Amino acid sequence: MSLLTLLAGISAAGLLIYLIAALLFPEDFS
């Protein structure tokens, strides 16, 4: 597993968490 693959996985997971948080708490992302 290369560093680039690991970085892409971390960024994808972070983006997914951000999107879920924005859906659950829309008032925090106004």
C-alpha atoms as a PDB file:
ATOM      1  CA  MET A   1       0.000   0.000   0.000  1.00  0.00           C
ATOM      2  CA  SER A   2       1.575   3.227  -1.164  1.00  0.00           C
ATOM      3  CA  LEU A   3       1.542   6.566   0.615  1.00  0.00           C
ATOM      4  CA  LEU A   4      -0.570   8.093  -2.161  1.00  0.00           C
ATOM      5  CA  THR A   5      -3.257   5.419  -1.761  1.00  0.00           C
ATOM      6  CA  LEU A   6      -3.262   5.938   2.002  1.00  0.00           C
ATOM      7  CA  LEU A   7      -3.553   9.709   1.583  1.00  0.00           C
ATOM      8  CA  ALA A   8      -6.421   9.311  -0.893  1.00  0.00           C
ATOM      9  CA  GLY A   9      -8.244   6.973   1.500  1.00  0.00           C
ATOM     10  CA  ILE A  10      -7.847   9.371   4.419  1.00  0.00           C
ATOM     11  CA  SER A  11      -9.036  12.356   2.397  1.00  0.00           C
ATOM     12  CA  ALA A  12     -12.032  10.401   1.051  1.00  0.00           C
ATOM     13  CA  ALA A  13     -12.995   9.308   4.574  1.00  0.00           C
ATOM     14  CA  GLY A  14     -12.599  12.878   5.848  1.00  0.00           C
ATOM     15  CA  LEU A  15     -14.795  14.217   3.056  1.00  0.00           C
ATOM     16  CA  LEU A  16     -17.450  11.586   3.794  1.00  0.00           C
ATOM     17  CA  ILE A  17     -17.434  12.480   7.501  1.00  0.00           C
ATOM     18  CA  TYR A  18     -17.688  16.179   6.607  1.00  0.00           C
ATOM     19  CA  LEU A  19     -20.681  15.565   4.335  1.00  0.00           C
ATOM     20  CA  ILE A  20     -22.475  13.468   6.978  1.00  0.00           C
ATOM     21  CA  ALA A  21     -21.812  16.134   9.622  1.00  0.00           C
ATOM     22  CA  ALA A  22     -23.136  18.831   7.272  1.00  0.00           C
ATOM     23  CA  LEU A  23     -26.323  16.798   6.762  1.00  0.00           C
ATOM     24  CA  LEU A  24     -26.806  16.115  10.475  1.00  0.00           C
ATOM     25  CA  PHE A  25     -25.938  19.612  11.694  1.00  0.00           C
ATOM     26  CA  PRO A  26     -26.765  22.092   8.882  1.00  0.00           C
ATOM     27  CA  GLU A  27     -26.845  25.057  11.269  1.00  0.00           C
ATOM     28  CA  ASP A  28     -23.120  24.605  11.922  1.00  0.00           C
ATOM     29  CA  PHE A  29     -22.279  24.871   8.206  1.00  0.00           C
ATOM     30  CA  SER A  30     -24.258  27.929   7.246  1.00  0.00           C
END
